[in-house]
């Protein structure tokens, strides 16, 4: 069954208050419970050996949320969490590549997106990108950096596709590896 999103989604930052909604979304069928959006955030110690299990990553993310660290936004449709976008200060992502910030730049990174299966294919990515940019701006960012791939890429698809970011005004800023494009949106100072 395909659910039609007939209205704009409601976006809320993930905090200790709605952490249960975040967990429910990630634990749902098809959810990203294998990574808990920790792949790019993990410190060197967190990213080694037994620390990369789903349980360990869940604990690592839960600790960040409980500690008040910005991790991203949940998208709600009629009170149900249906999608996620990882948007946070670039400094909180240990493994992302891209240009060093210029003096005066406050860079936030949009590292991944996820939507429940029945909400996919309906333009949610565009709403996720717009909400992430608005949130980053409201938190003091003047640059949002993203790492999408070409639509035919066999991997890293959870990071979004180049055309969606182009449509949102992002510009190419290089590559991070062989598939991931670095794209930036400057929002002025």
C-alpha atoms as a PDB file:
ATOM      1  CA  UNK A   1       0.000   0.000   0.000  1.00  0.00           C
ATOM      2  CA  UNK A   2       1.316   3.447  -0.872  1.00  0.00           C
ATOM      3  CA  UNK A   3       0.453   6.288   1.441  1.00  0.00           C
ATOM      4  CA  UNK A   4       0.001   9.647  -0.224  1.00  0.00           C
ATOM      5  CA  UNK A   5       1.475  12.541   1.686  1.00  0.00           C
ATOM      6  CA  UNK A   6      -1.208  15.114   1.010  1.00  0.00           C
ATOM      7  CA  UNK A   7       0.198  17.836   3.205  1.00  0.00           C
ATOM      8  CA  UNK A   8       3.446  19.228   4.305  1.00  0.00           C
ATOM      9  CA  UNK A   9       5.146  17.114   6.921  1.00  0.00           C
ATOM     10  CA  UNK A  10       5.780  18.392  10.442  1.00  0.00           C
ATOM     11  CA  UNK A  11       9.492  18.420  11.390  1.00  0.00           C
ATOM     12  CA  UNK A  12      10.901  18.221  14.897  1.00  0.00           C
ATOM     13  CA  UNK A  13      14.497  17.980  16.112  1.00  0.00           C
ATOM     14  CA  UNK A  14      15.333  14.661  17.751  1.00  0.00           C
ATOM     15  CA  UNK A  15      15.692  15.209  21.495  1.00  0.00           C
ATOM     16  CA  UNK A  16      15.282  13.151  24.638  1.00  0.00           C
ATOM     17  CA  UNK A  17      11.570  14.068  24.493  1.00  0.00           C
ATOM     18  CA  UNK A  18      10.909  12.292  21.173  1.00  0.00           C
ATOM     19  CA  UNK A  19      13.764   9.756  21.234  1.00  0.00           C
ATOM     20  CA  UNK A  20      11.168   6.948  21.411  1.00  0.00           C
ATOM     21  CA  UNK A  21       9.752   8.123  18.057  1.00  0.00           C
ATOM     22  CA  UNK A  22      13.272   8.102  16.584  1.00  0.00           C
ATOM     23  CA  UNK A  23      13.795   4.536  17.834  1.00  0.00           C
ATOM     24  CA  UNK A  24      10.411   3.408  16.515  1.00  0.00           C
ATOM     25  CA  UNK A  25      11.234   4.780  13.054  1.00  0.00           C
ATOM     26  CA  UNK A  26      14.648   3.099  12.974  1.00  0.00           C
ATOM     27  CA  UNK A  27      13.293  -0.213  14.308  1.00  0.00           C
ATOM     28  CA  UNK A  28      10.369  -0.339  11.859  1.00  0.00           C
ATOM     29  CA  UNK A  29      10.556  -2.850   8.984  1.00  0.00           C
ATOM     30  CA  UNK A  30      13.180  -1.613   6.535  1.00  0.00           C
ATOM     31  CA  UNK A  31      14.504   0.908   9.058  1.00  0.00           C
ATOM     32  CA  UNK A  32      18.223   1.709   9.337  1.00  0.00           C
ATOM     33  CA  UNK A  33      18.660  -0.135  12.633  1.00  0.00           C
ATOM     34  CA  UNK A  34      21.943  -1.592  11.378  1.00  0.00           C
ATOM     35  CA  UNK A  35      23.725   1.775  11.487  1.00  0.00           C
ATOM     36  CA  UNK A  36      21.670   4.107  13.722  1.00  0.00           C
ATOM     37  CA  UNK A  37      23.148   6.917  11.631  1.00  0.00           C
ATOM     38  CA  UNK A  38      26.497   6.455  13.386  1.00  0.00           C
ATOM     39  CA  UNK A  39      28.716   5.550  10.397  1.00  0.00           C
ATOM     40  CA  UNK A  40      29.874   9.143   9.806  1.00  0.00           C
ATOM     41  CA  UNK A  41      29.630  10.236  13.459  1.00  0.00           C
ATOM     42  CA  UNK A  42      31.597   7.475  15.184  1.00  0.00           C
ATOM     43  CA  UNK A  43      34.872   8.341  16.827  1.00  0.00           C
ATOM     44  CA  UNK A  44      37.870   6.133  16.029  1.00  0.00           C
ATOM     45  CA  UNK A  45      37.173   4.045  19.143  1.00  0.00           C
ATOM     46  CA  UNK A  46      33.448   3.777  18.391  1.00  0.00           C
ATOM     47  CA  UNK A  47      34.090   2.705  14.810  1.00  0.00           C
ATOM     48  CA  UNK A  48      36.235  -0.344  15.568  1.00  0.00           C
ATOM     49  CA  UNK A  49      35.493  -4.045  15.963  1.00  0.00           C
ATOM     50  CA  UNK A  50      32.665  -4.940  18.299  1.00  0.00           C
ATOM     51  CA  UNK A  51      31.649  -1.296  18.597  1.00  0.00           C
ATOM     52  CA  UNK A  52      30.059  -1.434  15.146  1.00  0.00           C
ATOM     53  CA  UNK A  53      27.217  -3.797  16.054  1.00  0.00           C
ATOM     54  CA  UNK A  54      23.670  -2.485  15.791  1.00  0.00           C
ATOM     55  CA  UNK A  55      23.315  -2.604  19.582  1.00  0.00           C
ATOM     56  CA  UNK A  56      26.505  -0.608  20.140  1.00  0.00           C
ATOM     57  CA  UNK A  57      25.607   1.978  17.519  1.00  0.00           C
ATOM     58  CA  UNK A  58      22.139   2.332  19.019  1.00  0.00           C
ATOM     59  CA  UNK A  59      23.736   3.014  22.395  1.00  0.00           C
ATOM     60  CA  UNK A  60      26.167   5.513  20.893  1.00  0.00           C
ATOM     61  CA  UNK A  61      23.355   7.450  19.216  1.00  0.00           C
ATOM     62  CA  UNK A  62      21.153   7.265  22.306  1.00  0.00           C
ATOM     63  CA  UNK A  63      23.978   8.760  24.350  1.00  0.00           C
ATOM     64  CA  UNK A  64      24.305  11.663  21.949  1.00  0.00           C
ATOM     65  CA  UNK A  65      20.564  12.331  22.036  1.00  0.00           C
ATOM     66  CA  UNK A  66      20.413  12.111  25.841  1.00  0.00           C
ATOM     67  CA  UNK A  67      23.369  14.508  26.032  1.00  0.00           C
ATOM     68  CA  UNK A  68      21.553  17.116  23.944  1.00  0.00           C
ATOM     69  CA  UNK A  69      23.768  16.822  20.860  1.00  0.00           C
ATOM     70  CA  UNK A  70      21.994  17.843  17.640  1.00  0.00           C
ATOM     71  CA  UNK A  71      21.559  14.750  15.458  1.00  0.00           C
ATOM     72  CA  UNK A  72      18.744  15.501  13.039  1.00  0.00           C
ATOM     73  CA  UNK A  73      15.051  15.894  12.404  1.00  0.00           C
ATOM     74  CA  UNK A  74      12.081  13.557  12.404  1.00  0.00           C
ATOM     75  CA  UNK A  75       9.301  14.120   9.886  1.00  0.00           C
ATOM     76  CA  UNK A  76       5.785  13.429  11.118  1.00  0.00           C
ATOM     77  CA  UNK A  77       2.602  12.846   9.162  1.00  0.00           C
ATOM     78  CA  UNK A  78      -0.498  13.076  11.352  1.00  0.00           C
ATOM     79  CA  UNK A  79       1.630  12.443  14.446  1.00  0.00           C
ATOM     80  CA  UNK A  80       3.393   9.369  13.023  1.00  0.00           C
ATOM     81  CA  UNK A  81       7.175   9.548  12.508  1.00  0.00           C
ATOM     82  CA  UNK A  82       7.623   8.710   8.823  1.00  0.00           C
ATOM     83  CA  UNK A  83      11.076   9.996   7.883  1.00  0.00           C
ATOM     84  CA  UNK A  84      14.430  11.169   9.185  1.00  0.00           C
ATOM     85  CA  UNK A  85      17.137  13.555   8.033  1.00  0.00           C
ATOM     86  CA  UNK A  86      20.546  13.671   9.670  1.00  0.00           C
ATOM     87  CA  UNK A  87      21.492  17.357  10.022  1.00  0.00           C
ATOM     88  CA  UNK A  88      24.029  18.534  12.590  1.00  0.00           C
ATOM     89  CA  UNK A  89      27.176  20.619  12.947  1.00  0.00           C
ATOM     90  CA  UNK A  90      29.860  19.221  10.665  1.00  0.00           C
ATOM     91  CA  UNK A  91      32.214  18.938  13.647  1.00  0.00           C
ATOM     92  CA  UNK A  92      29.945  16.216  15.109  1.00  0.00           C
ATOM     93  CA  UNK A  93      30.636  13.970  12.123  1.00  0.00           C
ATOM     94  CA  UNK A  94      34.074  12.430  12.604  1.00  0.00           C
ATOM     95  CA  UNK A  95      34.394  10.797   9.161  1.00  0.00           C
ATOM     96  CA  UNK A  96      32.870  13.144   6.623  1.00  0.00           C
ATOM     97  CA  UNK A  97      35.134  14.706   4.064  1.00  0.00           C
ATOM     98  CA  UNK A  98      34.815  17.957   2.212  1.00  0.00           C
ATOM     99  CA  UNK A  99      36.455  21.354   2.121  1.00  0.00           C
ATOM    100  CA  UNK A 100      37.673  22.930   5.316  1.00  0.00           C
ATOM    101  CA  UNK A 101      35.403  25.769   6.393  1.00  0.00           C
ATOM    102  CA  UNK A 102      36.511  29.236   5.415  1.00  0.00           C
ATOM    103  CA  UNK A 103      36.833  31.878   8.139  1.00  0.00           C
ATOM    104  CA  UNK A 104      33.373  32.847   9.306  1.00  0.00           C
ATOM    105  CA  UNK A 105      31.649  29.741   7.953  1.00  0.00           C
ATOM    106  CA  UNK A 106      29.421  27.785  10.303  1.00  0.00           C
ATOM    107  CA  UNK A 107      28.916  24.491   8.473  1.00  0.00           C
ATOM    108  CA  UNK A 108      26.217  21.951   9.190  1.00  0.00           C
ATOM    109  CA  UNK A 109      26.176  18.627   7.336  1.00  0.00           C
ATOM    110  CA  UNK A 110      23.224  16.757   5.902  1.00  0.00           C
ATOM    111  CA  UNK A 111      24.574  13.217   5.916  1.00  0.00           C
ATOM    112  CA  UNK A 112      21.617  10.915   5.282  1.00  0.00           C
ATOM    113  CA  UNK A 113      17.875  10.546   4.871  1.00  0.00           C
ATOM    114  CA  UNK A 114      15.420   7.744   5.462  1.00  0.00           C
ATOM    115  CA  UNK A 115      11.677   7.376   4.842  1.00  0.00           C
ATOM    116  CA  UNK A 116       9.384   4.477   5.661  1.00  0.00           C
ATOM    117  CA  UNK A 117       8.749   2.432   2.541  1.00  0.00           C
ATOM    118  CA  UNK A 118       5.137   3.470   2.098  1.00  0.00           C
ATOM    119  CA  UNK A 119       6.162   7.157   2.081  1.00  0.00           C
ATOM    120  CA  UNK A 120       8.925   6.824  -0.533  1.00  0.00           C
ATOM    121  CA  UNK A 121       8.626   8.092  -4.095  1.00  0.00           C
ATOM    122  CA  UNK A 122       6.447  11.038  -3.140  1.00  0.00           C
ATOM    123  CA  UNK A 123       8.907  13.897  -2.946  1.00  0.00           C
ATOM    124  CA  UNK A 124       9.694  13.553   0.726  1.00  0.00           C
ATOM    125  CA  UNK A 125      13.416  14.028   0.025  1.00  0.00           C
ATOM    126  CA  UNK A 126      12.702  17.593  -1.100  1.00  0.00           C
ATOM    127  CA  UNK A 127      10.839  18.307   2.125  1.00  0.00           C
ATOM    128  CA  UNK A 128      13.637  16.683   4.157  1.00  0.00           C
ATOM    129  CA  UNK A 129      16.300  18.822   2.471  1.00  0.00           C
ATOM    130  CA  UNK A 130      14.290  22.038   2.895  1.00  0.00           C
ATOM    131  CA  UNK A 131      13.567  21.298   6.554  1.00  0.00           C
ATOM    132  CA  UNK A 132      17.227  20.456   7.226  1.00  0.00           C
ATOM    133  CA  UNK A 133      18.388  23.715   5.641  1.00  0.00           C
ATOM    134  CA  UNK A 134      15.822  25.751   7.591  1.00  0.00           C
ATOM    135  CA  UNK A 135      16.785  24.024  10.838  1.00  0.00           C
ATOM    136  CA  UNK A 136      20.515  24.525  10.281  1.00  0.00           C
ATOM    137  CA  UNK A 137      19.928  28.195   9.504  1.00  0.00           C
ATOM    138  CA  UNK A 138      17.840  28.612  12.670  1.00  0.00           C
ATOM    139  CA  UNK A 139      20.726  27.125  14.666  1.00  0.00           C
ATOM    140  CA  UNK A 140      23.250  29.593  13.249  1.00  0.00           C
ATOM    141  CA  UNK A 141      24.641  27.747  10.226  1.00  0.00           C
ATOM    142  CA  UNK A 142      25.505  29.790   7.171  1.00  0.00           C
ATOM    143  CA  UNK A 143      26.549  26.794   5.037  1.00  0.00           C
ATOM    144  CA  UNK A 144      24.915  23.387   4.648  1.00  0.00           C
ATOM    145  CA  UNK A 145      27.051  20.674   3.135  1.00  0.00           C
ATOM    146  CA  UNK A 146      25.675  17.422   1.685  1.00  0.00           C
ATOM    147  CA  UNK A 147      27.252  14.303   0.162  1.00  0.00           C
ATOM    148  CA  UNK A 148      24.788  12.884  -2.396  1.00  0.00           C
ATOM    149  CA  UNK A 149      25.405  10.410  -5.190  1.00  0.00           C
ATOM    150  CA  UNK A 150      24.299  10.153  -8.811  1.00  0.00           C
ATOM    151  CA  UNK A 151      20.875   8.506  -9.188  1.00  0.00           C
ATOM    152  CA  UNK A 152      22.461   5.380 -10.695  1.00  0.00           C
ATOM    153  CA  UNK A 153      25.005   4.905  -7.877  1.00  0.00           C
ATOM    154  CA  UNK A 154      24.993   1.383  -6.417  1.00  0.00           C
ATOM    155  CA  UNK A 155      25.778   2.574  -2.879  1.00  0.00           C
ATOM    156  CA  UNK A 156      25.422   5.538  -0.508  1.00  0.00           C
ATOM    157  CA  UNK A 157      21.879   6.119  -1.786  1.00  0.00           C
ATOM    158  CA  UNK A 158      20.758   7.029   1.734  1.00  0.00           C
ATOM    159  CA  UNK A 159      22.790  10.249   1.326  1.00  0.00           C
ATOM    160  CA  UNK A 160      20.393  11.490  -1.357  1.00  0.00           C
ATOM    161  CA  UNK A 161      20.770  12.197  -5.053  1.00  0.00           C
ATOM    162  CA  UNK A 162      22.603  15.064  -6.733  1.00  0.00           C
ATOM    163  CA  UNK A 163      19.557  16.370  -8.690  1.00  0.00           C
ATOM    164  CA  UNK A 164      17.513  16.840  -5.502  1.00  0.00           C
ATOM    165  CA  UNK A 165      20.271  18.957  -3.989  1.00  0.00           C
ATOM    166  CA  UNK A 166      20.748  20.920  -7.225  1.00  0.00           C
ATOM    167  CA  UNK A 167      17.020  21.668  -7.172  1.00  0.00           C
ATOM    168  CA  UNK A 168      17.452  23.010  -3.621  1.00  0.00           C
ATOM    169  CA  UNK A 169      20.220  25.374  -4.727  1.00  0.00           C
ATOM    170  CA  UNK A 170      23.275  23.384  -3.628  1.00  0.00           C
ATOM    171  CA  UNK A 171      26.423  23.731  -5.739  1.00  0.00           C
ATOM    172  CA  UNK A 172      29.173  21.198  -6.463  1.00  0.00           C
ATOM    173  CA  UNK A 173      32.252  21.552  -4.235  1.00  0.00           C
ATOM    174  CA  UNK A 174      34.198  18.399  -5.084  1.00  0.00           C
ATOM    175  CA  UNK A 175      34.117  14.698  -4.341  1.00  0.00           C
ATOM    176  CA  UNK A 176      34.391  12.655  -1.146  1.00  0.00           C
ATOM    177  CA  UNK A 177      35.556   9.318  -2.482  1.00  0.00           C
ATOM    178  CA  UNK A 178      34.540   7.852  -5.835  1.00  0.00           C
ATOM    179  CA  UNK A 179      30.757   8.179  -5.609  1.00  0.00           C
ATOM    180  CA  UNK A 180      29.881  10.845  -3.059  1.00  0.00           C
ATOM    181  CA  UNK A 181      29.665  14.400  -4.349  1.00  0.00           C
ATOM    182  CA  UNK A 182      30.279  17.242  -1.934  1.00  0.00           C
ATOM    183  CA  UNK A 183      27.620  19.896  -2.436  1.00  0.00           C
ATOM    184  CA  UNK A 184      27.265  23.134  -0.525  1.00  0.00           C
ATOM    185  CA  UNK A 185      24.542  25.691  -0.001  1.00  0.00           C
ATOM    186  CA  UNK A 186      25.748  29.091   1.236  1.00  0.00           C
ATOM    187  CA  UNK A 187      23.089  30.985   3.132  1.00  0.00           C
ATOM    188  CA  UNK A 188      24.954  34.245   3.681  1.00  0.00           C
ATOM    189  CA  UNK A 189      26.386  35.543   6.880  1.00  0.00           C
END
